[in-house]
Amino acid sequence: MSDLYPPLEPYASGMIDAGDGHRVYWEACGNPAGKPALVLHGGPGSGCTANARRYFDPRAYRIVLFDQRGSGRSTPHASHPAHDLSTNTTSHLLADIERLRRHLGIERWLVLGGSWGSTLALAYAERHPERVSAMVLFSIATTTASEIEWITRGAGAFFPEAWVRFRDGVPEADRDGSLVEAYHRLLMHPDPAVHHRAARDWCDWEMAVVAVHPAHKPHPRYEDPAFRLSFARLVTHYWRHKAWLEDGALVRDAGLLAGIPGILIHGRLDIGGPLVTPWQLKQHWPGSELVVVSEAGHDARDPGMTQSIVAATDRFA
């Protein structure tokens, strides 16, 4: 991670009342007079990290980050027993982005998103292309039915031992059906012993799929039971609804992004999210560029990923 810009702290932060009882945390870093850039974190439910601020030259960019509903410092947290997931959907997140943009007085911004953040970024840009100046997407996913089926079953061909443990985390009667649905039921179970074990099993599988290098170390946040539970609840909530998106529409409608320059960065070894997805996206998005990082998997910390992301934001500075 040495190719990141130096650590920096926000010069402004706050909470926005997003309605439905939600308060969304946001922060701004770098140059208040710089080029506006928005960071969309992954998951859903990962929350913003301090390192995400460091993908941008702080002298050139006004870097805006926020914790999506239910995650990070936004409230209520999805690990809370009474958290209402019905008011946490892709449409709600898109409205939150526009609410934040207006709150900060920004006309257009570069949008950066990784993993789930790339799905959200595409959905936002296709709905509001006039608000996007450029895009940097990495570890790209579009949350289609086939992608979800692959990461919950197909990828088990590469990690059979870990996948069997993942499958066996649900009742035997549910193992031939949707593992997403089965896990979501366990994660929403009122018994803490049930939902915390399901969260551990779900996150163990997520960590297994990204570990394509012998020295790979899971992000320390996965040791936090509250993070694991909120993350797993939000991922399964969004996946069971296919992110409330028409299947395949983000790629099909990428022509709406014509005129918006985009750099797509993806690891050749990304087993959980194969390269075919960004490759197809590039075919439908005039003016986009695909950067394949030969030694990287899905994790933005893998060799070559950080350098490629920073090089992309530098090009748009």
Protein backbone atom coordinates (compact mmCIF):
# COMPACT_ATOMS: atom_id res chain seq x y z
CA MET A 1 0.00 0.00 0.00
CA SER A 2 3.05 2.27 -0.17
CA ASP A 3 1.87 3.83 -3.43
CA LEU A 4 -1.03 5.56 -1.72
CA TYR A 5 -0.85 9.26 -0.95
CA PRO A 6 0.11 10.04 2.67
CA PRO A 7 -2.52 9.68 5.42
CA LEU A 8 -4.82 12.66 5.83
CA GLU A 9 -7.69 13.71 8.05
CA PRO A 10 -11.00 15.28 6.98
CA TYR A 11 -11.24 19.05 6.95
CA ALA A 12 -15.04 18.73 7.33
CA SER A 13 -17.51 16.03 8.32
CA GLY A 14 -21.11 15.70 9.39
CA MET A 15 -24.34 13.73 9.43
CA ILE A 16 -27.17 14.15 6.95
CA ASP A 17 -30.74 13.30 7.87
CA ALA A 18 -31.66 10.93 5.04
CA GLY A 19 -35.20 10.22 6.22
CA ASP A 20 -36.66 6.88 7.33
CA GLY A 21 -34.75 7.32 10.59
CA HIS A 22 -31.37 7.14 8.82
CA ARG A 23 -28.49 9.55 9.43
CA VAL A 24 -25.65 9.29 6.93
CA TYR A 25 -22.07 10.12 7.90
CA TRP A 26 -19.95 12.04 5.38
CA GLU A 27 -16.48 13.57 5.33
CA ALA A 28 -14.42 15.74 3.00
CA CYS A 29 -10.62 15.64 2.67
CA GLY A 30 -7.91 17.28 0.60
CA ASN A 31 -8.31 20.63 -1.12
CA PRO A 32 -11.68 22.38 -0.53
CA ALA A 33 -11.18 24.15 -3.86
CA GLY A 34 -10.03 21.02 -5.70
CA LYS A 35 -11.78 18.81 -8.23
CA PRO A 36 -14.71 17.08 -6.48
CA ALA A 37 -14.47 13.29 -6.19
CA LEU A 38 -16.88 10.87 -4.54
CA VAL A 39 -15.82 7.51 -3.05
CA LEU A 40 -18.38 4.68 -2.99
CA HIS A 41 -17.31 1.86 -0.67
CA GLY A 42 -17.92 -1.81 -1.23
CA GLY A 43 -19.89 -4.48 0.53
CA PRO A 44 -22.65 -3.41 0.64
CA GLY A 45 -21.87 -2.54 4.23
CA SER A 46 -18.09 -2.17 4.30
CA GLY A 47 -18.11 1.49 5.28
CA CYS A 48 -15.41 3.98 4.37
CA THR A 49 -11.80 3.39 5.33
CA ALA A 50 -9.02 5.88 5.97
CA ASN A 51 -7.02 4.39 3.10
CA ALA A 52 -9.81 5.25 0.62
CA ARG A 53 -8.96 8.92 1.16
CA ARG A 54 -5.45 8.20 -0.08
CA TYR A 55 -6.29 7.18 -3.66
CA PHE A 56 -6.30 10.89 -4.59
CA ASP A 57 -3.74 13.68 -4.70
CA PRO A 58 -4.98 15.81 -1.77
CA ARG A 59 -3.65 18.96 -3.42
CA ALA A 60 -5.76 18.41 -6.53
CA TYR A 61 -8.97 16.85 -5.21
CA ARG A 62 -11.83 17.65 -2.88
CA ILE A 63 -12.37 14.04 -1.73
CA VAL A 64 -15.85 13.19 -0.42
CA LEU A 65 -16.59 9.89 1.33
CA PHE A 66 -19.71 8.64 3.08
CA ASP A 67 -20.85 5.55 4.93
CA GLN A 68 -23.81 4.00 3.15
CA ARG A 69 -26.96 3.33 5.16
CA GLY A 70 -26.50 0.85 7.99
CA SER A 71 -22.70 0.82 7.80
CA GLY A 72 -19.69 2.53 9.32
CA ARG A 73 -20.61 5.64 11.28
CA SER A 74 -24.07 6.03 9.74
CA THR A 75 -27.00 5.26 12.02
CA PRO A 76 -28.80 3.05 12.80
CA HIS A 77 -26.15 0.37 12.29
CA ALA A 78 -27.29 -2.80 10.53
CA SER A 79 -25.98 -4.88 13.44
CA HIS A 80 -28.71 -3.39 15.65
CA PRO A 81 -31.41 -5.97 16.47
CA ALA A 82 -34.24 -3.68 15.34
CA HIS A 83 -32.61 -2.40 12.16
CA ASP A 84 -35.19 -1.97 9.37
CA LEU A 85 -33.67 -3.19 6.13
CA SER A 86 -36.74 -2.23 4.10
CA THR A 87 -35.50 1.38 3.92
CA ASN A 88 -32.05 0.31 2.75
CA THR A 89 -32.15 -0.28 -1.02
CA THR A 90 -30.21 0.84 -4.08
CA SER A 91 -32.79 3.56 -4.75
CA HIS A 92 -32.35 4.87 -1.20
CA LEU A 93 -28.56 4.98 -1.65
CA LEU A 94 -28.86 6.80 -4.98
CA ALA A 95 -31.10 9.39 -3.33
CA ASP A 96 -28.58 9.74 -0.49
CA ILE A 97 -25.80 10.46 -3.00
CA GLU A 98 -27.83 13.23 -4.62
CA ARG A 99 -28.79 14.59 -1.19
CA LEU A 100 -25.10 14.74 -0.24
CA ARG A 101 -24.12 16.35 -3.55
CA ARG A 102 -26.68 19.13 -3.08
CA HIS A 103 -25.70 19.56 0.58
CA LEU A 104 -22.08 20.16 -0.43
CA GLY A 105 -22.95 22.40 -3.39
CA ILE A 106 -21.19 20.21 -5.93
CA GLU A 107 -22.29 20.33 -9.58
CA ARG A 108 -20.33 17.35 -10.95
CA TRP A 109 -17.83 14.95 -9.46
CA LEU A 110 -15.52 12.11 -10.36
CA VAL A 111 -16.98 8.89 -8.98
CA LEU A 112 -14.70 6.12 -7.68
CA GLY A 113 -16.12 2.76 -6.62
CA GLY A 114 -14.78 -0.70 -5.93
CA SER A 115 -16.63 -4.04 -5.84
CA TRP A 116 -20.22 -3.25 -4.73
CA GLY A 117 -19.18 0.39 -5.00
CA SER A 118 -18.73 -0.12 -8.75
CA THR A 119 -22.33 -1.41 -9.02
CA LEU A 120 -23.58 1.64 -7.14
CA ALA A 121 -21.38 3.97 -9.19
CA LEU A 122 -22.73 2.58 -12.47
CA ALA A 123 -26.33 2.80 -11.26
CA TYR A 124 -25.75 6.40 -10.18
CA ALA A 125 -23.98 7.48 -13.36
CA GLU A 126 -26.58 5.87 -15.63
CA ARG A 127 -29.34 7.68 -13.73
CA HIS A 128 -27.50 11.00 -13.38
CA PRO A 129 -24.86 11.18 -16.15
CA GLU A 130 -24.90 14.98 -16.06
CA ARG A 131 -23.52 14.82 -12.50
CA VAL A 132 -20.47 12.67 -13.29
CA SER A 133 -17.24 14.11 -14.72
CA ALA A 134 -15.27 10.83 -14.85
CA MET A 135 -15.25 7.36 -13.28
CA VAL A 136 -12.64 5.07 -11.78
CA LEU A 137 -13.99 1.59 -11.05
CA PHE A 138 -12.05 -1.37 -9.69
CA SER A 139 -12.77 -5.00 -8.76
CA ILE A 140 -15.88 -4.51 -10.83
CA ALA A 141 -19.23 -6.15 -10.11
CA THR A 142 -22.72 -5.48 -11.44
CA THR A 143 -24.64 -7.66 -8.94
CA THR A 144 -26.41 -9.83 -11.51
CA ALA A 145 -28.02 -13.17 -10.73
CA SER A 146 -25.20 -15.01 -12.49
CA GLU A 147 -22.51 -13.12 -10.55
CA ILE A 148 -24.22 -13.93 -7.25
CA GLU A 149 -24.62 -17.58 -8.21
CA TRP A 150 -20.94 -17.71 -9.18
CA ILE A 151 -19.57 -16.22 -5.98
CA THR A 152 -21.80 -18.36 -3.74
CA ARG A 153 -21.43 -21.65 -5.67
CA GLY A 154 -19.24 -21.59 -8.77
CA ALA A 155 -16.18 -20.15 -7.05
CA GLY A 156 -16.24 -23.18 -4.78
CA ALA A 157 -14.46 -25.05 -7.57
CA PHE A 158 -11.33 -23.05 -6.64
CA PHE A 159 -11.80 -23.24 -2.86
CA PRO A 160 -13.61 -26.54 -2.28
CA GLU A 161 -12.72 -26.97 1.39
CA ALA A 162 -13.74 -23.42 2.32
CA TRP A 163 -16.89 -23.69 0.19
CA VAL A 164 -18.05 -26.88 1.91
CA ARG A 165 -17.68 -25.14 5.27
CA PHE A 166 -19.66 -22.20 3.86
CA ARG A 167 -22.42 -24.46 2.50
CA ASP A 168 -22.58 -26.45 5.72
CA GLY A 169 -23.21 -23.27 7.68
CA VAL A 170 -26.88 -23.48 6.69
CA PRO A 171 -29.39 -26.23 7.59
CA GLU A 172 -29.09 -29.33 5.43
CA ALA A 173 -32.54 -28.76 3.94
CA ASP A 174 -31.39 -25.38 2.55
CA ARG A 175 -28.08 -26.43 1.02
CA ASP A 176 -29.39 -27.12 -2.49
CA GLY A 177 -31.32 -23.85 -2.67
CA SER A 178 -30.26 -20.23 -2.47
CA LEU A 179 -27.42 -19.93 0.02
CA VAL A 180 -28.01 -16.19 0.08
CA GLU A 181 -31.60 -16.67 1.25
CA ALA A 182 -30.59 -19.33 3.76
CA TYR A 183 -27.87 -17.18 5.27
CA HIS A 184 -30.09 -14.11 5.35
CA ARG A 185 -32.66 -16.00 7.44
CA LEU A 186 -29.94 -17.03 9.88
CA LEU A 187 -28.48 -13.52 10.01
CA MET A 188 -31.86 -12.03 10.88
CA HIS A 189 -32.60 -14.70 13.51
CA PRO A 190 -33.28 -13.12 16.92
CA ASP A 191 -30.90 -15.49 18.75
CA PRO A 192 -27.45 -13.85 18.92
CA ALA A 193 -25.75 -17.25 18.89
CA VAL A 194 -27.41 -18.03 15.56
CA HIS A 195 -26.86 -14.75 13.78
CA HIS A 196 -23.31 -14.22 15.02
CA ARG A 197 -22.26 -17.71 13.89
CA ALA A 198 -23.87 -17.09 10.47
CA ALA A 199 -22.01 -13.79 10.19
CA ARG A 200 -18.70 -15.50 10.99
CA ASP A 201 -19.37 -18.27 8.42
CA TRP A 202 -20.41 -15.78 5.74
CA CYS A 203 -17.39 -13.55 6.28
CA ASP A 204 -15.01 -16.53 6.38
CA TRP A 205 -16.18 -17.41 2.85
CA GLU A 206 -15.84 -13.81 1.64
CA MET A 207 -12.28 -13.72 2.98
CA ALA A 208 -11.43 -17.10 1.43
CA VAL A 209 -12.48 -15.99 -2.06
CA VAL A 210 -10.21 -12.93 -2.06
CA ALA A 211 -7.16 -14.74 -0.66
CA VAL A 212 -5.30 -15.60 -3.88
CA HIS A 213 -1.80 -14.90 -2.48
CA PRO A 214 -0.10 -16.96 0.25
CA ALA A 215 0.75 -13.86 2.29
CA HIS A 216 -2.77 -12.43 2.11
CA LYS A 217 -4.09 -11.18 5.46
CA PRO A 218 -7.78 -10.47 6.07
CA HIS A 219 -8.70 -6.89 6.87
CA PRO A 220 -8.70 -6.54 10.69
CA ARG A 221 -12.29 -5.23 10.67
CA TYR A 222 -13.47 -8.82 10.15
CA GLU A 223 -12.51 -9.50 13.77
CA ASP A 224 -15.25 -7.11 14.94
CA PRO A 225 -18.52 -9.02 15.55
CA ALA A 226 -20.64 -5.91 14.91
CA PHE A 227 -18.91 -5.32 11.57
CA ARG A 228 -19.31 -8.95 10.54
CA LEU A 229 -23.01 -8.96 11.36
CA SER A 230 -23.86 -5.66 9.67
CA PHE A 231 -21.76 -6.53 6.62
CA ALA A 232 -23.27 -10.00 6.16
CA ARG A 233 -26.81 -8.74 6.74
CA LEU A 234 -26.43 -5.97 4.15
CA VAL A 235 -24.69 -8.14 1.54
CA THR A 236 -27.34 -10.86 1.74
CA HIS A 237 -30.14 -8.26 1.81
CA TYR A 238 -28.90 -6.65 -1.40
CA TRP A 239 -27.97 -9.92 -3.10
CA ARG A 240 -31.30 -11.60 -2.42
CA HIS A 241 -32.94 -8.68 -4.24
CA LYS A 242 -30.27 -8.57 -7.01
CA ALA A 243 -29.73 -4.98 -5.83
CA TRP A 244 -33.21 -4.09 -7.14
CA LEU A 245 -31.71 -3.76 -10.62
CA GLU A 246 -33.00 -5.26 -13.85
CA ASP A 247 -30.67 -8.18 -14.52
CA GLY A 248 -27.89 -7.13 -16.88
CA ALA A 249 -29.16 -3.57 -17.24
CA LEU A 250 -25.99 -1.85 -15.97
CA VAL A 251 -23.92 -3.36 -18.78
CA ARG A 252 -26.68 -3.10 -21.39
CA ASP A 253 -27.27 0.60 -20.64
CA ALA A 254 -23.61 1.61 -20.36
CA GLY A 255 -24.04 3.52 -23.63
CA LEU A 256 -25.67 6.19 -21.45
CA LEU A 257 -22.15 6.88 -20.17
CA ALA A 258 -20.85 7.95 -23.59
CA GLY A 259 -18.90 11.15 -23.05
CA ILE A 260 -17.93 10.21 -19.48
CA PRO A 261 -14.34 8.92 -19.43
CA GLY A 262 -13.94 5.78 -17.36
CA ILE A 263 -11.04 3.61 -16.27
CA LEU A 264 -11.95 0.04 -15.32
CA ILE A 265 -9.34 -1.73 -13.17
CA HIS A 266 -9.62 -5.46 -12.54
CA GLY A 267 -7.42 -8.26 -11.28
CA ARG A 268 -6.72 -11.14 -13.66
CA LEU A 269 -6.90 -13.47 -10.63
CA ASP A 270 -10.22 -12.15 -9.31
CA ILE A 271 -11.96 -15.48 -8.73
CA GLY A 272 -15.01 -14.10 -6.96
CA GLY A 273 -15.65 -11.62 -9.77
CA PRO A 274 -14.22 -12.91 -13.07
CA LEU A 275 -12.77 -10.52 -15.64
CA VAL A 276 -15.62 -11.14 -18.09
CA THR A 277 -17.83 -8.57 -16.32
CA PRO A 278 -15.59 -5.50 -16.83
CA TRP A 279 -14.69 -6.79 -20.30
CA GLN A 280 -18.37 -6.81 -21.26
CA LEU A 281 -18.87 -3.42 -19.67
CA LYS A 282 -16.08 -1.95 -21.77
CA GLN A 283 -17.76 -3.22 -24.97
CA HIS A 284 -20.89 -1.21 -24.13
CA TRP A 285 -19.24 1.95 -22.74
CA PRO A 286 -17.74 4.18 -25.44
CA GLY A 287 -14.61 5.88 -24.19
CA SER A 288 -13.91 3.50 -21.32
CA GLU A 289 -10.54 1.84 -20.79
CA LEU A 290 -9.90 -1.56 -19.21
CA VAL A 291 -6.74 -2.03 -17.12
CA VAL A 292 -6.05 -5.69 -16.27
CA VAL A 293 -3.73 -6.19 -13.29
CA SER A 294 -2.02 -9.50 -13.88
CA GLU A 295 -1.11 -10.51 -10.30
CA ALA A 296 -4.18 -9.19 -8.49
CA GLY A 297 -7.38 -10.75 -7.25
CA HIS A 298 -10.40 -8.89 -5.84
CA ASP A 299 -8.61 -7.15 -2.97
CA ALA A 300 -7.55 -3.57 -3.71
CA ARG A 301 -4.44 -4.25 -1.59
CA ASP A 302 -3.20 -6.91 -4.06
CA PRO A 303 -0.03 -6.28 -6.11
CA GLY A 304 -0.57 -3.63 -8.75
CA MET A 305 -4.09 -2.61 -7.73
CA THR A 306 -3.23 0.39 -5.58
CA GLN A 307 -0.80 1.74 -8.16
CA SER A 308 -3.38 1.36 -10.93
CA ILE A 309 -6.11 3.11 -8.95
CA VAL A 310 -3.86 6.03 -7.98
CA ALA A 311 -2.56 6.31 -11.56
CA ALA A 312 -6.16 6.58 -12.76
CA THR A 313 -7.12 9.35 -10.36
CA ASP A 314 -3.88 11.17 -11.21
CA ARG A 315 -4.86 11.13 -14.89
CA PHE A 316 -8.14 12.90 -14.10
CA ALA A 317 -6.68 15.36 -11.59
